[in-house]
C-alpha atoms as a PDB file:
ATOM      1  CA  UNK A   1      -0.018   0.068  -0.255  1.00  0.00           C
ATOM      2  CA  UNK A   2       1.125   3.531  -0.813  1.00  0.00           C
ATOM      3  CA  UNK A   3       1.944   5.609   1.970  1.00  0.00           C
ATOM      4  CA  UNK A   4       1.963   9.611   2.189  1.00  0.00           C
ATOM      5  CA  UNK A   5       4.258  11.641   4.656  1.00  0.00           C
ATOM      6  CA  UNK A   6       2.289  14.841   5.395  1.00  0.00           C
ATOM      7  CA  UNK A   7       3.630  17.914   7.272  1.00  0.00           C
ATOM      8  CA  UNK A   8       1.030  20.435   8.431  1.00  0.00           C
ATOM      9  CA  UNK A   9      -1.849  17.969   8.461  1.00  0.00           C
ATOM     10  CA  UNK A  10      -3.799  19.913  10.707  1.00  0.00           C
ATOM     11  CA  UNK A  11      -3.780  23.024   8.596  1.00  0.00           C
ATOM     12  CA  UNK A  12      -6.364  24.243   6.167  1.00  0.00           C
ATOM     13  CA  UNK A  13      -4.811  22.813   3.414  1.00  0.00           C
ATOM     14  CA  UNK A  14      -3.251  19.544   4.825  1.00  0.00           C
ATOM     15  CA  UNK A  15      -5.881  18.594   6.810  1.00  0.00           C
ATOM     16  CA  UNK A  16      -7.920  18.181   3.030  1.00  0.00           C
ATOM     17  CA  UNK A  17      -4.846  16.779   1.587  1.00  0.00           C
ATOM     18  CA  UNK A  18      -5.030  13.950   4.378  1.00  0.00           C
ATOM     19  CA  UNK A  19      -8.564  13.073   3.774  1.00  0.00           C
ATOM     20  CA  UNK A  20      -8.311  13.361   0.201  1.00  0.00           C
ATOM     21  CA  UNK A  21      -5.392  10.474   0.009  1.00  0.00           C
ATOM     22  CA  UNK A  22      -7.158   8.633   2.841  1.00  0.00           C
ATOM     23  CA  UNK A  23     -10.293   8.151   0.641  1.00  0.00           C
ATOM     24  CA  UNK A  24      -7.999   6.959  -2.250  1.00  0.00           C
ATOM     25  CA  UNK A  25      -6.828   4.302   0.099  1.00  0.00           C
ATOM     26  CA  UNK A  26      -3.327   5.626   1.016  1.00  0.00           C
ATOM     27  CA  UNK A  27      -2.049   5.180   4.424  1.00  0.00           C
ATOM     28  CA  UNK A  28      -0.323   8.330   5.778  1.00  0.00           C
ATOM     29  CA  UNK A  29       2.283   9.495   8.479  1.00  0.00           C
ATOM     30  CA  UNK A  30       1.362  12.876   9.683  1.00  0.00           C
ATOM     31  CA  UNK A  31       4.248  14.764  11.099  1.00  0.00           C
ATOM     32  CA  UNK A  32       2.485  17.290  13.617  1.00  0.00           C
ATOM     33  CA  UNK A  33       3.613  19.485  16.338  1.00  0.00           C
ATOM     34  CA  UNK A  34       1.922  19.638  19.500  1.00  0.00           C
ATOM     35  CA  UNK A  35      -0.340  16.889  21.121  1.00  0.00           C
ATOM     36  CA  UNK A  36      -2.159  15.313  18.492  1.00  0.00           C
ATOM     37  CA  UNK A  37      -3.832  11.612  18.178  1.00  0.00           C
ATOM     38  CA  UNK A  38      -5.084   9.630  15.190  1.00  0.00           C
ATOM     39  CA  UNK A  39      -8.740   8.638  14.862  1.00  0.00           C
ATOM     40  CA  UNK A  40      -8.053   6.492  11.784  1.00  0.00           C
ATOM     41  CA  UNK A  41      -5.857   3.313  12.038  1.00  0.00           C
ATOM     42  CA  UNK A  42      -4.321   3.615   8.775  1.00  0.00           C
ATOM     43  CA  UNK A  43      -2.800   7.227   9.811  1.00  0.00           C
ATOM     44  CA  UNK A  44       0.146   7.385  12.194  1.00  0.00           C
ATOM     45  CA  UNK A  45       1.291  10.865  14.201  1.00  0.00           C
ATOM     46  CA  UNK A  46       4.650  11.668  14.605  1.00  0.00           C
ATOM     47  CA  UNK A  47       6.249  14.461  16.357  1.00  0.00           C
ATOM     48  CA  UNK A  48       7.637  17.307  14.146  1.00  0.00           C
ATOM     49  CA  UNK A  49       9.268  20.500  14.583  1.00  0.00           C
ATOM     50  CA  UNK A  50      10.976  22.426  11.291  1.00  0.00           C
ATOM     51  CA  UNK A  51      13.786  23.754  13.630  1.00  0.00           C
ATOM     52  CA  UNK A  52      14.703  20.140  14.556  1.00  0.00           C
ATOM     53  CA  UNK A  53      14.329  18.248  11.192  1.00  0.00           C
ATOM     54  CA  UNK A  54      17.606  16.880  11.405  1.00  0.00           C
ATOM     55  CA  UNK A  55      17.380  15.432  14.627  1.00  0.00           C
ATOM     56  CA  UNK A  56      14.051  13.760  14.500  1.00  0.00           C
ATOM     57  CA  UNK A  57      14.709  10.212  14.650  1.00  0.00           C
ATOM     58  CA  UNK A  58      10.940   9.218  14.202  1.00  0.00           C
ATOM     59  CA  UNK A  59      10.853  11.211  11.064  1.00  0.00           C
ATOM     60  CA  UNK A  60      13.981   9.814   9.734  1.00  0.00           C
ATOM     61  CA  UNK A  61      12.127   5.976  10.423  1.00  0.00           C
ATOM     62  CA  UNK A  62       9.303   7.128   8.717  1.00  0.00           C
ATOM     63  CA  UNK A  63      10.800   8.379   5.835  1.00  0.00           C
ATOM     64  CA  UNK A  64      12.175   5.126   4.913  1.00  0.00           C
ATOM     65  CA  UNK A  65       8.679   3.497   4.115  1.00  0.00           C
ATOM     66  CA  UNK A  66       6.939   6.579   2.162  1.00  0.00           C
ATOM     67  CA  UNK A  67       6.051   6.523  -0.990  1.00  0.00           C
ATOM     68  CA  UNK A  68       5.434  10.456  -1.301  1.00  0.00           C
ATOM     69  CA  UNK A  69       5.927  13.622   1.243  1.00  0.00           C
ATOM     70  CA  UNK A  70       3.370  16.558   0.640  1.00  0.00           C
ATOM     71  CA  UNK A  71       5.314  19.567   2.444  1.00  0.00           C
ATOM     72  CA  UNK A  72       2.469  21.907   3.814  1.00  0.00           C
ATOM     73  CA  UNK A  73       4.066  22.881   7.272  1.00  0.00           C
ATOM     74  CA  UNK A  74       5.274  26.456   7.564  1.00  0.00           C
ATOM     75  CA  UNK A  75       5.964  29.120  10.394  1.00  0.00           C
ATOM     76  CA  UNK A  76       3.279  32.023   8.848  1.00  0.00           C
ATOM     77  CA  UNK A  77       4.125  35.634   8.979  1.00  0.00           C
ATOM     78  CA  UNK A  78       1.188  36.270  11.802  1.00  0.00           C
ATOM     79  CA  UNK A  79       1.558  37.674  15.248  1.00  0.00           C
ATOM     80  CA  UNK A  80       3.601  40.711  14.022  1.00  0.00           C
ATOM     81  CA  UNK A  81       6.580  38.408  13.038  1.00  0.00           C
ATOM     82  CA  UNK A  82       7.372  40.584   9.974  1.00  0.00           C
ATOM     83  CA  UNK A  83       7.142  43.939  11.930  1.00  0.00           C
ATOM     84  CA  UNK A  84      10.977  43.296  13.326  1.00  0.00           C
ATOM     85  CA  UNK A  85      14.145  41.927  11.692  1.00  0.00           C
ATOM     86  CA  UNK A  86      14.579  39.311  14.167  1.00  0.00           C
ATOM     87  CA  UNK A  87      10.900  38.025  13.665  1.00  0.00           C
ATOM     88  CA  UNK A  88      11.720  38.261   9.857  1.00  0.00           C
ATOM     89  CA  UNK A  89      14.600  36.461  10.140  1.00  0.00           C
ATOM     90  CA  UNK A  90      12.966  33.935  12.262  1.00  0.00           C
ATOM     91  CA  UNK A  91      10.689  33.242   9.479  1.00  0.00           C
ATOM     92  CA  UNK A  92      13.048  32.982   6.882  1.00  0.00           C
ATOM     93  CA  UNK A  93      15.468  30.613   8.934  1.00  0.00           C
ATOM     94  CA  UNK A  94      13.010  28.075  10.084  1.00  0.00           C
ATOM     95  CA  UNK A  95      10.970  27.833   6.916  1.00  0.00           C
ATOM     96  CA  UNK A  96      14.139  27.665   4.655  1.00  0.00           C
ATOM     97  CA  UNK A  97      16.384  25.423   6.653  1.00  0.00           C
ATOM     98  CA  UNK A  98      13.602  23.220   8.011  1.00  0.00           C
ATOM     99  CA  UNK A  99      12.227  22.701   4.322  1.00  0.00           C
ATOM    100  CA  UNK A 100      15.625  21.937   3.088  1.00  0.00           C
ATOM    101  CA  UNK A 101      16.516  19.131   5.979  1.00  0.00           C
ATOM    102  CA  UNK A 102      13.026  17.503   5.023  1.00  0.00           C
ATOM    103  CA  UNK A 103      13.780  17.381   1.212  1.00  0.00           C
ATOM    104  CA  UNK A 104      17.404  16.118   1.823  1.00  0.00           C
ATOM    105  CA  UNK A 105      15.918  13.349   4.293  1.00  0.00           C
ATOM    106  CA  UNK A 106      13.644  12.613   1.442  1.00  0.00           C
ATOM    107  CA  UNK A 107      16.499  12.336  -1.062  1.00  0.00           C
ATOM    108  CA  UNK A 108      18.510  10.213   1.079  1.00  0.00           C
ATOM    109  CA  UNK A 109      15.567   7.540   1.814  1.00  0.00           C
ATOM    110  CA  UNK A 110      14.809   7.641  -2.345  1.00  0.00           C
ATOM    111  CA  UNK A 111      11.419   8.901  -1.722  1.00  0.00           C
ATOM    112  CA  UNK A 112       9.747   8.793  -5.004  1.00  0.00           C
ATOM    113  CA  UNK A 113       7.950  12.016  -4.751  1.00  0.00           C
ATOM    114  CA  UNK A 114       8.082  15.557  -2.868  1.00  0.00           C
ATOM    115  CA  UNK A 115       5.345  18.015  -3.257  1.00  0.00           C
ATOM    116  CA  UNK A 116       6.263  21.573  -1.902  1.00  0.00           C
ATOM    117  CA  UNK A 117       3.390  24.099  -1.074  1.00  0.00           C
ATOM    118  CA  UNK A 118       4.311  27.031  -2.417  1.00  0.00           C
ATOM    119  CA  UNK A 119       2.311  30.310  -2.928  1.00  0.00           C
ATOM    120  CA  UNK A 120       1.240  32.620  -5.964  1.00  0.00           C
ATOM    121  CA  UNK A 121       2.161  35.735  -4.092  1.00  0.00           C
ATOM    122  CA  UNK A 122       5.338  35.168  -5.060  1.00  0.00           C
ATOM    123  CA  UNK A 123       4.337  36.872  -8.466  1.00  0.00           C
ATOM    124  CA  UNK A 124       4.233  40.229  -6.354  1.00  0.00           C
ATOM    125  CA  UNK A 125       0.992  42.375  -7.915  1.00  0.00           C
ATOM    126  CA  UNK A 126       1.326  41.426 -11.405  1.00  0.00           C
ATOM    127  CA  UNK A 127      -1.829  42.432 -12.914  1.00  0.00           C
ATOM    128  CA  UNK A 128      -1.095  40.459 -16.692  1.00  0.00           C
ATOM    129  CA  UNK A 129      -1.760  36.894 -17.229  1.00  0.00           C
ATOM    130  CA  UNK A 130       0.255  35.083 -14.761  1.00  0.00           C
ATOM    131  CA  UNK A 131       2.436  32.301 -16.260  1.00  0.00           C
ATOM    132  CA  UNK A 132       5.191  30.049 -14.179  1.00  0.00           C
ATOM    133  CA  UNK A 133       7.982  31.641 -16.500  1.00  0.00           C
ATOM    134  CA  UNK A 134       7.571  34.967 -15.014  1.00  0.00           C
ATOM    135  CA  UNK A 135      10.515  36.315 -12.466  1.00  0.00           C
ATOM    136  CA  UNK A 136       9.286  35.648  -8.687  1.00  0.00           C
ATOM    137  CA  UNK A 137       9.320  39.267  -7.019  1.00  0.00           C
ATOM    138  CA  UNK A 138       9.292  38.303  -3.257  1.00  0.00           C
ATOM    139  CA  UNK A 139       8.319  41.111  -0.937  1.00  0.00           C
ATOM    140  CA  UNK A 140       9.297  39.920   2.581  1.00  0.00           C
ATOM    141  CA  UNK A 141      11.081  36.994   4.170  1.00  0.00           C
ATOM    142  CA  UNK A 142       8.162  34.618   4.607  1.00  0.00           C
ATOM    143  CA  UNK A 143       7.904  34.678   0.603  1.00  0.00           C
ATOM    144  CA  UNK A 144      11.685  34.682   0.068  1.00  0.00           C
ATOM    145  CA  UNK A 145      11.791  31.430   2.301  1.00  0.00           C
ATOM    146  CA  UNK A 146       9.321  30.193  -0.098  1.00  0.00           C
ATOM    147  CA  UNK A 147      11.158  31.047  -3.223  1.00  0.00           C
ATOM    148  CA  UNK A 148      14.471  29.424  -1.568  1.00  0.00           C
ATOM    149  CA  UNK A 149      12.447  26.230  -0.750  1.00  0.00           C
ATOM    150  CA  UNK A 150      11.430  26.136  -4.359  1.00  0.00           C
ATOM    151  CA  UNK A 151      15.394  26.394  -5.518  1.00  0.00           C
ATOM    152  CA  UNK A 152      16.470  23.964  -3.006  1.00  0.00           C
ATOM    153  CA  UNK A 153      13.812  21.458  -4.185  1.00  0.00           C
ATOM    154  CA  UNK A 154      14.850  22.107  -8.202  1.00  0.00           C
ATOM    155  CA  UNK A 155      18.596  21.382  -6.816  1.00  0.00           C
ATOM    156  CA  UNK A 156      17.573  18.186  -4.976  1.00  0.00           C
ATOM    157  CA  UNK A 157      15.646  17.278  -8.163  1.00  0.00           C
ATOM    158  CA  UNK A 158      18.432  17.501 -10.459  1.00  0.00           C
ATOM    159  CA  UNK A 159      20.895  15.287  -8.554  1.00  0.00           C
ATOM    160  CA  UNK A 160      18.521  12.645  -7.020  1.00  0.00           C
ATOM    161  CA  UNK A 161      15.710   9.856  -7.778  1.00  0.00           C
ATOM    162  CA  UNK A 162      13.333  11.891  -6.043  1.00  0.00           C
ATOM    163  CA  UNK A 163      11.018  14.281  -8.117  1.00  0.00           C
ATOM    164  CA  UNK A 164       9.967  17.754  -6.605  1.00  0.00           C
ATOM    165  CA  UNK A 165       7.282  19.868  -7.662  1.00  0.00           C
ATOM    166  CA  UNK A 166       6.316  23.351  -6.067  1.00  0.00           C
ATOM    167  CA  UNK A 167       2.644  24.127  -6.603  1.00  0.00           C
ATOM    168  CA  UNK A 168       2.123  27.910  -6.341  1.00  0.00           C
ATOM    169  CA  UNK A 169      -1.373  28.084  -4.556  1.00  0.00           C
ATOM    170  CA  UNK A 170      -3.447  31.393  -5.165  1.00  0.00           C
ATOM    171  CA  UNK A 171      -5.391  32.471  -2.270  1.00  0.00           C
ATOM    172  CA  UNK A 172      -6.336  29.004  -0.689  1.00  0.00           C
ATOM    173  CA  UNK A 173      -9.857  28.711   1.409  1.00  0.00           C
ATOM    174  CA  UNK A 174     -11.459  26.126   3.236  1.00  0.00           C
ATOM    175  CA  UNK A 175     -13.323  24.906   6.601  1.00  0.00           C
ATOM    176  CA  UNK A 176     -10.183  24.814   8.673  1.00  0.00           C
ATOM    177  CA  UNK A 177      -8.859  27.940   8.198  1.00  0.00           C
ATOM    178  CA  UNK A 178      -6.225  29.332  11.086  1.00  0.00           C
ATOM    179  CA  UNK A 179      -5.362  32.523   9.660  1.00  0.00           C
ATOM    180  CA  UNK A 180      -6.802  35.867   9.431  1.00  0.00           C
ATOM    181  CA  UNK A 181      -7.856  36.420   5.979  1.00  0.00           C
ATOM    182  CA  UNK A 182     -10.837  37.853   3.978  1.00  0.00           C
ATOM    183  CA  UNK A 183     -12.800  34.730   3.344  1.00  0.00           C
ATOM    184  CA  UNK A 184     -12.935  33.220   6.930  1.00  0.00           C
ATOM    185  CA  UNK A 185     -13.654  36.820   8.050  1.00  0.00           C
ATOM    186  CA  UNK A 186     -16.393  37.385   5.876  1.00  0.00           C
ATOM    187  CA  UNK A 187     -17.848  33.811   6.762  1.00  0.00           C
ATOM    188  CA  UNK A 188     -17.798  34.439  10.298  1.00  0.00           C
ATOM    189  CA  UNK A 189     -19.372  38.013   9.942  1.00  0.00           C
ATOM    190  CA  UNK A 190     -22.052  36.322   7.921  1.00  0.00           C
ATOM    191  CA  UNK A 191     -22.986  33.610  10.329  1.00  0.00           C
ATOM    192  CA  UNK A 192     -23.251  36.129  12.804  1.00  0.00           C
ATOM    193  CA  UNK A 193     -25.444  38.361  11.109  1.00  0.00           C
ATOM    194  CA  UNK A 194     -22.996  41.257  10.899  1.00  0.00           C
ATOM    195  CA  UNK A 195     -21.946  43.669   8.081  1.00  0.00           C
ATOM    196  CA  UNK A 196     -19.275  42.537   5.615  1.00  0.00           C
ATOM    197  CA  UNK A 197     -16.907  45.676   5.110  1.00  0.00           C
ATOM    198  CA  UNK A 198     -15.536  46.255   1.661  1.00  0.00           C
ATOM    199  CA  UNK A 199     -12.877  49.023   1.552  1.00  0.00           C
ATOM    200  CA  UNK A 200     -12.753  51.393  -1.690  1.00  0.00           C
ATOM    201  CA  UNK A 201     -15.133  50.191  -4.215  1.00  0.00           C
ATOM    202  CA  UNK A 202     -14.869  46.693  -3.919  1.00  0.00           C
ATOM    203  CA  UNK A 203     -13.586  46.122  -7.125  1.00  0.00           C
ATOM    204  CA  UNK A 204     -10.353  44.681  -6.065  1.00  0.00           C
ATOM    205  CA  UNK A 205     -10.078  41.357  -7.834  1.00  0.00           C
ATOM    206  CA  UNK A 206      -8.325  37.894  -6.504  1.00  0.00           C
ATOM    207  CA  UNK A 207      -8.344  34.522  -7.668  1.00  0.00           C
ATOM    208  CA  UNK A 208      -9.357  32.143  -4.792  1.00  0.00           C
ATOM    209  CA  UNK A 209      -8.883  28.298  -4.983  1.00  0.00           C
ATOM    210  CA  UNK A 210     -10.958  25.815  -3.032  1.00  0.00           C
ATOM    211  CA  UNK A 211      -8.715  23.129  -0.831  1.00  0.00           C
ATOM    212  CA  UNK A 212     -10.845  20.440  -2.223  1.00  0.00           C
ATOM    213  CA  UNK A 213      -9.228  21.307  -5.810  1.00  0.00           C
ATOM    214  CA  UNK A 214      -5.466  21.990  -4.032  1.00  0.00           C
ATOM    215  CA  UNK A 215      -5.644  18.239  -2.241  1.00  0.00           C
ATOM    216  CA  UNK A 216      -6.697  17.003  -5.854  1.00  0.00           C
ATOM    217  CA  UNK A 217      -3.589  18.771  -7.457  1.00  0.00           C
ATOM    218  CA  UNK A 218      -1.528  17.494  -4.687  1.00  0.00           C
ATOM    219  CA  UNK A 219      -2.760  13.752  -5.533  1.00  0.00           C
ATOM    220  CA  UNK A 220      -2.217  14.199  -9.436  1.00  0.00           C
ATOM    221  CA  UNK A 221       1.432  15.587  -8.625  1.00  0.00           C
ATOM    222  CA  UNK A 222       2.147  12.425  -7.058  1.00  0.00           C
ATOM    223  CA  UNK A 223       0.246  10.068  -9.295  1.00  0.00           C
ATOM    224  CA  UNK A 224       2.123  11.761 -12.705  1.00  0.00           C
ATOM    225  CA  UNK A 225       5.366  11.968 -10.864  1.00  0.00           C
ATOM    226  CA  UNK A 226       5.585  15.652 -11.807  1.00  0.00           C
ATOM    227  CA  UNK A 227       8.575  17.958 -11.170  1.00  0.00           C
ATOM    228  CA  UNK A 228       9.162  21.667 -11.715  1.00  0.00           C
ATOM    229  CA  UNK A 229       6.812  24.421 -10.620  1.00  0.00           C
ATOM    230  CA  UNK A 230       2.984  24.849 -11.260  1.00  0.00           C
ATOM    231  CA  UNK A 231       0.234  27.449 -10.492  1.00  0.00           C
ATOM    232  CA  UNK A 232      -2.860  26.133  -8.846  1.00  0.00           C
ATOM    233  CA  UNK A 233      -5.675  28.406  -8.956  1.00  0.00           C
ATOM    234  CA  UNK A 234      -9.321  28.587  -9.024  1.00  0.00           C
ATOM    235  CA  UNK A 235     -11.344  29.306 -12.086  1.00  0.00           C
ATOM    236  CA  UNK A 236     -11.176  33.034 -12.354  1.00  0.00           C
ATOM    237  CA  UNK A 237     -10.833  36.159 -10.741  1.00  0.00           C
ATOM    238  CA  UNK A 238     -13.746  37.790  -8.548  1.00  0.00           C
ATOM    239  CA  UNK A 239     -14.098  41.479  -6.899  1.00  0.00           C
ATOM    240  CA  UNK A 240     -14.286  41.587  -3.311  1.00  0.00           C
ATOM    241  CA  UNK A 241     -17.999  42.795  -3.701  1.00  0.00           C
ATOM    242  CA  UNK A 242     -18.941  39.502  -5.698  1.00  0.00           C
ATOM    243  CA  UNK A 243     -16.994  37.668  -2.795  1.00  0.00           C
ATOM    244  CA  UNK A 244     -18.998  39.142  -0.489  1.00  0.00           C
ATOM    245  CA  UNK A 245     -22.327  38.375  -1.984  1.00  0.00           C
ATOM    246  CA  UNK A 246     -21.456  34.984  -2.551  1.00  0.00           C
ATOM    247  CA  UNK A 247     -20.665  34.375   1.124  1.00  0.00           C
ATOM    248  CA  UNK A 248     -24.037  35.848   2.216  1.00  0.00           C
ATOM    249  CA  UNK A 249     -25.711  33.560  -0.256  1.00  0.00           C
ATOM    250  CA  UNK A 250     -23.888  30.366   1.196  1.00  0.00           C
ATOM    251  CA  UNK A 251     -24.070  31.139   4.737  1.00  0.00           C
ATOM    252  CA  UNK A 252     -28.067  31.981   4.325  1.00  0.00           C
ATOM    253  CA  UNK A 253     -28.293  34.007   6.988  1.00  0.00           C
ATOM    254  CA  UNK A 254     -30.576  37.248   6.079  1.00  0.00           C
ATOM    255  CA  UNK A 255     -29.399  39.710   8.811  1.00  0.00           C
ATOM    256  CA  UNK A 256     -25.593  39.473   7.071  1.00  0.00           C
ATOM    257  CA  UNK A 257     -25.368  42.523   4.948  1.00  0.00           C
ATOM    258  CA  UNK A 258     -22.654  44.367   2.829  1.00  0.00           C
ATOM    259  CA  UNK A 259     -21.371  47.993   3.670  1.00  0.00           C
ATOM    260  CA  UNK A 260     -18.527  50.084   2.492  1.00  0.00           C
ATOM    261  CA  UNK A 261     -16.280  51.113   5.053  1.00  0.00           C
ATOM    262  CA  UNK A 262     -15.336  54.462   3.486  1.00  0.00           C
ATOM    263  CA  UNK A 263     -11.579  54.013   3.571  1.00  0.00           C
ATOM    264  CA  UNK A 264      -9.516  53.543   0.678  1.00  0.00           C
ATOM    265  CA  UNK A 265      -8.564  50.041  -0.584  1.00  0.00           C
ATOM    266  CA  UNK A 266      -4.691  49.999  -0.309  1.00  0.00           C
ATOM    267  CA  UNK A 267      -4.868  47.711  -3.641  1.00  0.00           C
ATOM    268  CA  UNK A 268      -7.757  49.314  -5.189  1.00  0.00           C
ATOM    269  CA  UNK A 269      -8.077  48.315  -9.302  1.00  0.00           C
ATOM    270  CA  UNK A 270      -5.640  45.239  -8.359  1.00  0.00           C
ATOM    271  CA  UNK A 271      -6.440  42.469 -11.212  1.00  0.00           C
ATOM    272  CA  UNK A 272      -5.141  39.135 -11.443  1.00  0.00           C
ATOM    273  CA  UNK A 273      -5.481  36.522 -13.796  1.00  0.00           C
ATOM    274  CA  UNK A 274      -3.318  33.379 -13.229  1.00  0.00           C
ATOM    275  CA  UNK A 275      -2.595  30.575 -15.938  1.00  0.00           C
ATOM    276  CA  UNK A 276      -3.261  27.121 -15.370  1.00  0.00           C
ATOM    277  CA  UNK A 277      -2.423  25.780 -18.631  1.00  0.00           C
ATOM    278  CA  UNK A 278       0.792  24.339 -17.344  1.00  0.00           C
ATOM    279  CA  UNK A 279      -1.302  22.461 -14.606  1.00  0.00           C
ATOM    280  CA  UNK A 280      -3.777  21.045 -17.259  1.00  0.00           C
ATOM    281  CA  UNK A 281      -1.080  19.990 -19.345  1.00  0.00           C
ATOM    282  CA  UNK A 282       1.372  18.279 -16.418  1.00  0.00           C
ATOM    283  CA  UNK A 283      -1.321  17.073 -14.146  1.00  0.00           C
ATOM    284  CA  UNK A 284      -4.200  16.939 -16.176  1.00  0.00           C
ATOM    285  CA  UNK A 285      -5.700  19.453 -13.522  1.00  0.00           C
ATOM    286  CA  UNK A 286      -8.117  22.149 -13.489  1.00  0.00           C
ATOM    287  CA  UNK A 287     -10.297  23.488 -10.690  1.00  0.00           C
ATOM    288  CA  UNK A 288     -13.766  21.823 -10.383  1.00  0.00           C
ATOM    289  CA  UNK A 289     -14.913  24.281  -7.658  1.00  0.00           C
ATOM    290  CA  UNK A 290     -16.132  27.796  -8.827  1.00  0.00           C
ATOM    291  CA  UNK A 291     -16.473  30.388  -6.027  1.00  0.00           C
ATOM    292  CA  UNK A 292     -20.293  29.936  -5.240  1.00  0.00           C
ATOM    293  CA  UNK A 293     -19.786  25.839  -5.258  1.00  0.00           C
ATOM    294  CA  UNK A 294     -16.553  26.152  -2.810  1.00  0.00           C
ATOM    295  CA  UNK A 295     -18.297  28.355  -0.655  1.00  0.00           C
ATOM    296  CA  UNK A 296     -21.111  26.039  -0.093  1.00  0.00           C
ATOM    297  CA  UNK A 297     -18.539  23.188   0.510  1.00  0.00           C
ATOM    298  CA  UNK A 298     -17.183  25.321   3.141  1.00  0.00           C
ATOM    299  CA  UNK A 299     -20.133  26.199   4.838  1.00  0.00           C
ATOM    300  CA  UNK A 300     -21.441  22.799   4.876  1.00  0.00           C
ATOM    301  CA  UNK A 301     -18.201  21.323   6.499  1.00  0.00           C
ATOM    302  CA  UNK A 302     -18.328  23.984   9.275  1.00  0.00           C
ATOM    303  CA  UNK A 303     -22.081  23.382   9.874  1.00  0.00           C
ATOM    304  CA  UNK A 304     -21.703  19.499   9.799  1.00  0.00           C
ATOM    305  CA  UNK A 305     -17.800  18.663   9.742  1.00  0.00           C
ATOM    306  CA  UNK A 306     -16.869  15.263   8.644  1.00  0.00           C
ATOM    307  CA  UNK A 307     -15.685  12.441  11.046  1.00  0.00           C
ATOM    308  CA  UNK A 308     -12.276  13.706  12.297  1.00  0.00           C
ATOM    309  CA  UNK A 309      -8.890  11.804  11.280  1.00  0.00           C
ATOM    310  CA  UNK A 310      -6.525  13.861  13.835  1.00  0.00           C
ATOM    311  CA  UNK A 311      -7.835  14.951  17.528  1.00  0.00           C
ATOM    312  CA  UNK A 312      -5.850  17.397  19.716  1.00  0.00           C
ATOM    313  CA  UNK A 313      -5.272  15.762  23.220  1.00  0.00           C
ATOM    314  CA  UNK A 314      -6.446  17.943  25.777  1.00  0.00           C
ATOM    315  CA  UNK A 315      -3.799  19.303  28.072  1.00  0.00           C
END
């Protein structure tokens, strides 16, 4: 039986990746921080700390028996880390070195496939059609660490049996959110019957990608043993005003409303078109969730959560 090693399995993307691979009969070893236990006999949990990958004997032992790695774990730029030079350095050091050590461990154990979860934000504020050939323009140390990891993956891929692919995800969303972003903020306010606030004219555009499609892209990357860099994005851009309307429709709370804050939108007029032509060719992948369907799935998950695969152990 094929076995997946997954980092970040409790996160928004990782939890969906775990569920998707299990539904297709894969066993899984989930490398987690904190006190976590499994609710599935085909899933094993091992301790994980990005700052101590090289010394993790349980991780080394697990790597000897896995078919593929999907690496979702990262220190996120929350809590003001990017506001100080020390915090920015911590983000870069932990994410880049920890991921490098994980890739090296996979190579040393001849793991067949390594999928690295990267970000479409590496393209900066580009408003033209975004393709993988465009030069990445990281704007902070978190983005720089993503680019460094992509380059490490390319290096390891050139000199080993392991195939590496970086998936540049555009604005992921799903029920297991753990960061402050526009979709979870809007959904929470809609459930509470509050106003969804829009800055500027509400015409700023973004391309949102549902986690179900991201999980399927990860599975396709492993199935096709793909390598390189690949954009993974939803069907097309939507404005913030359209997003707010879709959230209210999905939640179905008549008390929720839309209002304009009167504050300017610092990204007013931003438009983004992300090409997924390479994903179609390399992975036979394209999104199946448009915004309305993705929000409906997210709301359904929040209202009626599926059976848990992982559970946090109370202190």
